[in-house]
Amino acid sequence: MDMEPGESGFRSLEQVADLFYALRVREAAGMMEDMARHIDMVLKREGPPDASFHGGVTEINQLLQLLLVCLENRDYILVADVIKYELIPRLRAFEN
């Protein structure tokens, strides 16, 4: 699956969360690299970095660190919750 900018990329992130909810961990993990590419595309927005840019990057970085801890603890439902209810909304806000 290739990640695209825009709404299709966010739908793909939601799909990763849904796979974790279904405990289809290998399949979800296989999509994590594409998820990282989508996050990278969102963070490479046009315009000069300002305070809101740096604050947004910091929040997203903290969420990614939380995802790593949840993955290490094999808490896949929490991984899905963080993606769906924390990461996606922050990425949407960051993109706008």
N, C-alpha and C. Protein backbone atom coordinates (compact mmCIF):
# COMPACT_ATOMS: atom_id res chain seq x y z
N MET A 1 0.85 -1.17 0.00
CA MET A 1 0.00 0.00 0.00
C MET A 1 0.88 1.23 0.00
N ASP A 2 0.69 2.12 -0.92
CA ASP A 2 1.43 3.38 -0.96
C ASP A 2 0.61 4.45 -0.27
N MET A 3 1.27 5.23 0.58
CA MET A 3 0.59 6.31 1.26
C MET A 3 0.58 7.52 0.35
N GLU A 4 -0.55 8.20 0.33
CA GLU A 4 -0.68 9.39 -0.47
C GLU A 4 -0.98 10.54 0.46
N PRO A 5 -0.63 11.77 0.03
CA PRO A 5 -1.00 12.90 0.85
C PRO A 5 -2.51 13.07 0.81
N GLY A 6 -3.03 13.79 1.78
CA GLY A 6 -4.45 14.08 1.77
C GLY A 6 -5.27 13.00 2.44
N GLU A 7 -6.56 13.03 2.09
CA GLU A 7 -7.54 12.19 2.77
C GLU A 7 -7.26 10.70 2.63
N SER A 8 -6.76 10.26 1.49
CA SER A 8 -6.49 8.82 1.34
C SER A 8 -5.40 8.36 2.29
N GLY A 9 -4.45 9.22 2.58
CA GLY A 9 -3.41 8.88 3.56
C GLY A 9 -3.99 8.72 4.95
N PHE A 10 -4.94 9.59 5.31
CA PHE A 10 -5.57 9.48 6.62
C PHE A 10 -6.45 8.23 6.71
N ARG A 11 -7.10 7.88 5.62
CA ARG A 11 -7.89 6.64 5.61
C ARG A 11 -6.96 5.44 5.82
N SER A 12 -5.77 5.50 5.26
CA SER A 12 -4.81 4.41 5.44
C SER A 12 -4.34 4.33 6.89
N LEU A 13 -4.16 5.48 7.54
CA LEU A 13 -3.79 5.48 8.95
C LEU A 13 -4.92 4.86 9.78
N GLU A 14 -6.16 5.18 9.44
CA GLU A 14 -7.30 4.59 10.13
C GLU A 14 -7.33 3.08 9.91
N GLN A 15 -6.94 2.65 8.73
CA GLN A 15 -6.90 1.21 8.43
C GLN A 15 -5.86 0.52 9.32
N VAL A 16 -4.72 1.16 9.54
CA VAL A 16 -3.70 0.59 10.43
C VAL A 16 -4.29 0.44 11.83
N ALA A 17 -4.98 1.48 12.31
CA ALA A 17 -5.60 1.40 13.63
C ALA A 17 -6.61 0.25 13.68
N ASP A 18 -7.43 0.13 12.65
CA ASP A 18 -8.43 -0.94 12.61
C ASP A 18 -7.78 -2.32 12.65
N LEU A 19 -6.64 -2.47 11.97
CA LEU A 19 -5.93 -3.75 12.00
C LEU A 19 -5.41 -4.06 13.41
N PHE A 20 -4.92 -3.04 14.10
CA PHE A 20 -4.48 -3.26 15.48
C PHE A 20 -5.68 -3.61 16.37
N TYR A 21 -6.82 -2.94 16.16
CA TYR A 21 -8.02 -3.29 16.94
C TYR A 21 -8.40 -4.75 16.73
N ALA A 22 -8.24 -5.22 15.49
CA ALA A 22 -8.57 -6.61 15.16
C ALA A 22 -7.46 -7.59 15.55
N LEU A 23 -6.40 -7.05 16.16
CA LEU A 23 -5.23 -7.83 16.57
C LEU A 23 -4.56 -8.54 15.39
N ARG A 24 -4.65 -7.92 14.23
CA ARG A 24 -3.94 -8.40 13.05
C ARG A 24 -2.61 -7.66 13.01
N VAL A 25 -1.78 -7.99 13.99
CA VAL A 25 -0.57 -7.22 14.30
C VAL A 25 0.45 -7.27 13.17
N ARG A 26 0.68 -8.44 12.61
CA ARG A 26 1.68 -8.54 11.54
C ARG A 26 1.28 -7.68 10.34
N GLU A 27 0.01 -7.74 10.00
CA GLU A 27 -0.47 -6.96 8.86
C GLU A 27 -0.35 -5.45 9.16
N ALA A 28 -0.73 -5.06 10.37
CA ALA A 28 -0.63 -3.65 10.76
C ALA A 28 0.83 -3.21 10.80
N ALA A 29 1.69 -4.05 11.36
CA ALA A 29 3.12 -3.72 11.44
C ALA A 29 3.71 -3.56 10.05
N GLY A 30 3.24 -4.35 9.11
CA GLY A 30 3.71 -4.24 7.74
C GLY A 30 3.36 -2.92 7.08
N MET A 31 2.36 -2.24 7.63
CA MET A 31 1.94 -0.95 7.08
C MET A 31 2.58 0.23 7.81
N MET A 32 3.36 -0.04 8.85
CA MET A 32 3.94 1.04 9.67
C MET A 32 4.94 1.90 8.89
N GLU A 33 5.68 1.30 7.97
CA GLU A 33 6.63 2.09 7.18
C GLU A 33 5.88 3.08 6.30
N ASP A 34 4.78 2.64 5.72
CA ASP A 34 3.96 3.54 4.91
C ASP A 34 3.34 4.63 5.79
N MET A 35 2.97 4.27 7.00
CA MET A 35 2.43 5.24 7.93
C MET A 35 3.47 6.32 8.22
N ALA A 36 4.71 5.91 8.41
CA ALA A 36 5.79 6.86 8.66
C ALA A 36 5.99 7.79 7.47
N ARG A 37 5.86 7.25 6.26
CA ARG A 37 5.99 8.10 5.06
C ARG A 37 4.90 9.16 5.02
N HIS A 38 3.68 8.77 5.38
CA HIS A 38 2.57 9.73 5.38
C HIS A 38 2.84 10.83 6.41
N ILE A 39 3.28 10.45 7.59
CA ILE A 39 3.59 11.44 8.62
C ILE A 39 4.67 12.39 8.12
N ASP A 40 5.68 11.85 7.47
CA ASP A 40 6.75 12.67 6.90
C ASP A 40 6.21 13.66 5.88
N MET A 41 5.29 13.22 5.03
CA MET A 41 4.70 14.12 4.03
C MET A 41 3.93 15.26 4.69
N VAL A 42 3.19 14.94 5.74
CA VAL A 42 2.42 15.97 6.45
C VAL A 42 3.37 16.98 7.08
N LEU A 43 4.47 16.49 7.66
CA LEU A 43 5.40 17.38 8.34
C LEU A 43 6.21 18.25 7.39
N LYS A 44 6.26 17.89 6.12
CA LYS A 44 7.02 18.68 5.15
C LYS A 44 6.13 19.71 4.46
N ARG A 45 5.29 20.36 5.24
CA ARG A 45 4.39 21.35 4.68
C ARG A 45 5.17 22.57 4.19
N GLU A 46 4.53 23.30 3.33
CA GLU A 46 5.16 24.49 2.75
C GLU A 46 5.20 25.62 3.77
N GLY A 47 6.09 26.54 3.58
CA GLY A 47 6.17 27.72 4.42
C GLY A 47 7.26 27.60 5.46
N PRO A 48 7.66 28.75 6.00
CA PRO A 48 8.72 28.75 7.00
C PRO A 48 8.22 28.19 8.33
N PRO A 49 9.07 27.46 9.03
CA PRO A 49 8.70 26.95 10.34
C PRO A 49 8.46 28.10 11.31
N ASP A 50 7.42 28.00 12.13
CA ASP A 50 7.14 28.99 13.15
C ASP A 50 6.91 28.26 14.47
N ALA A 51 6.45 28.99 15.49
CA ALA A 51 6.26 28.38 16.81
C ALA A 51 5.22 27.26 16.76
N SER A 52 4.15 27.45 15.99
CA SER A 52 3.11 26.41 15.93
C SER A 52 3.65 25.16 15.22
N PHE A 53 4.53 25.37 14.24
CA PHE A 53 5.15 24.24 13.55
C PHE A 53 5.96 23.41 14.54
N HIS A 54 6.80 24.07 15.29
CA HIS A 54 7.66 23.36 16.24
C HIS A 54 6.84 22.69 17.34
N GLY A 55 5.78 23.35 17.80
CA GLY A 55 4.91 22.76 18.81
C GLY A 55 4.20 21.52 18.27
N GLY A 56 3.75 21.61 17.01
CA GLY A 56 3.08 20.47 16.38
C GLY A 56 4.02 19.30 16.19
N VAL A 57 5.23 19.58 15.78
CA VAL A 57 6.23 18.51 15.60
C VAL A 57 6.53 17.85 16.94
N THR A 58 6.64 18.65 17.99
CA THR A 58 6.91 18.11 19.32
C THR A 58 5.78 17.19 19.77
N GLU A 59 4.54 17.61 19.58
CA GLU A 59 3.39 16.78 19.96
C GLU A 59 3.37 15.47 19.19
N ILE A 60 3.61 15.55 17.89
CA ILE A 60 3.60 14.35 17.05
C ILE A 60 4.74 13.42 17.46
N ASN A 61 5.90 13.98 17.75
CA ASN A 61 7.03 13.17 18.20
C ASN A 61 6.71 12.45 19.51
N GLN A 62 6.05 13.14 20.44
CA GLN A 62 5.67 12.51 21.71
C GLN A 62 4.69 11.36 21.48
N LEU A 63 3.77 11.55 20.55
CA LEU A 63 2.82 10.48 20.24
C LEU A 63 3.52 9.28 19.61
N LEU A 64 4.49 9.54 18.75
CA LEU A 64 5.24 8.44 18.14
C LEU A 64 6.04 7.68 19.19
N GLN A 65 6.60 8.41 20.16
CA GLN A 65 7.32 7.74 21.24
C GLN A 65 6.37 6.89 22.08
N LEU A 66 5.16 7.39 22.33
CA LEU A 66 4.16 6.63 23.06
C LEU A 66 3.79 5.37 22.28
N LEU A 67 3.65 5.50 20.96
CA LEU A 67 3.35 4.33 20.13
C LEU A 67 4.43 3.25 20.28
N LEU A 68 5.68 3.68 20.30
CA LEU A 68 6.78 2.71 20.47
C LEU A 68 6.69 1.99 21.81
N VAL A 69 6.38 2.71 22.86
CA VAL A 69 6.25 2.08 24.18
C VAL A 69 5.09 1.09 24.17
N CYS A 70 3.97 1.50 23.58
CA CYS A 70 2.80 0.61 23.51
C CYS A 70 3.12 -0.64 22.69
N LEU A 71 3.85 -0.48 21.61
CA LEU A 71 4.23 -1.64 20.79
C LEU A 71 5.15 -2.56 21.57
N GLU A 72 6.12 -1.98 22.28
CA GLU A 72 7.03 -2.80 23.09
C GLU A 72 6.27 -3.58 24.15
N ASN A 73 5.21 -2.98 24.69
CA ASN A 73 4.40 -3.62 25.73
C ASN A 73 3.30 -4.52 25.14
N ARG A 74 3.26 -4.58 23.83
CA ARG A 74 2.26 -5.39 23.12
C ARG A 74 0.84 -5.00 23.49
N ASP A 75 0.63 -3.71 23.72
CA ASP A 75 -0.69 -3.17 24.03
C ASP A 75 -1.29 -2.62 22.73
N TYR A 76 -1.76 -3.53 21.89
CA TYR A 76 -2.16 -3.18 20.54
C TYR A 76 -3.46 -2.37 20.49
N ILE A 77 -4.32 -2.55 21.48
CA ILE A 77 -5.54 -1.74 21.53
C ILE A 77 -5.17 -0.29 21.83
N LEU A 78 -4.23 -0.08 22.73
CA LEU A 78 -3.77 1.28 23.01
C LEU A 78 -3.05 1.88 21.79
N VAL A 79 -2.30 1.08 21.06
CA VAL A 79 -1.67 1.54 19.83
C VAL A 79 -2.75 2.07 18.88
N ALA A 80 -3.81 1.29 18.71
CA ALA A 80 -4.90 1.69 17.82
C ALA A 80 -5.56 2.97 18.32
N ASP A 81 -5.81 3.06 19.63
CA ASP A 81 -6.43 4.26 20.19
C ASP A 81 -5.56 5.50 19.95
N VAL A 82 -4.26 5.37 20.19
CA VAL A 82 -3.36 6.51 20.00
C VAL A 82 -3.36 6.96 18.54
N ILE A 83 -3.31 6.00 17.62
CA ILE A 83 -3.33 6.36 16.19
C ILE A 83 -4.64 7.06 15.84
N LYS A 84 -5.75 6.44 16.23
CA LYS A 84 -7.06 6.92 15.80
C LYS A 84 -7.50 8.21 16.49
N TYR A 85 -7.27 8.30 17.80
CA TYR A 85 -7.83 9.43 18.56
C TYR A 85 -6.82 10.51 18.92
N GLU A 86 -5.55 10.24 18.74
CA GLU A 86 -4.54 11.25 19.06
C GLU A 86 -3.72 11.66 17.84
N LEU A 87 -3.11 10.67 17.18
CA LEU A 87 -2.19 10.98 16.08
C LEU A 87 -2.92 11.55 14.86
N ILE A 88 -3.96 10.88 14.41
CA ILE A 88 -4.67 11.36 13.21
C ILE A 88 -5.22 12.77 13.40
N PRO A 89 -5.92 13.06 14.52
CA PRO A 89 -6.41 14.44 14.69
C PRO A 89 -5.29 15.49 14.72
N ARG A 90 -4.16 15.15 15.35
CA ARG A 90 -3.06 16.11 15.39
C ARG A 90 -2.43 16.30 14.01
N LEU A 91 -2.32 15.23 13.26
CA LEU A 91 -1.79 15.35 11.89
C LEU A 91 -2.73 16.17 11.01
N ARG A 92 -4.04 15.96 11.17
CA ARG A 92 -5.02 16.77 10.41
C ARG A 92 -4.89 18.25 10.74
N ALA A 93 -4.77 18.56 12.05
CA ALA A 93 -4.61 19.95 12.47
C ALA A 93 -3.31 20.52 11.95
N PHE A 94 -2.26 19.73 11.99
CA PHE A 94 -0.96 20.17 11.52
C PHE A 94 -0.99 20.47 10.03
N GLU A 95 -1.70 19.62 9.29
CA GLU A 95 -1.78 19.79 7.84
C GLU A 95 -2.49 21.08 7.46
N ASN A 96 -3.44 21.49 8.29
CA ASN A 96 -4.19 22.74 8.01
C ASN A 96 -3.46 23.88 8.61
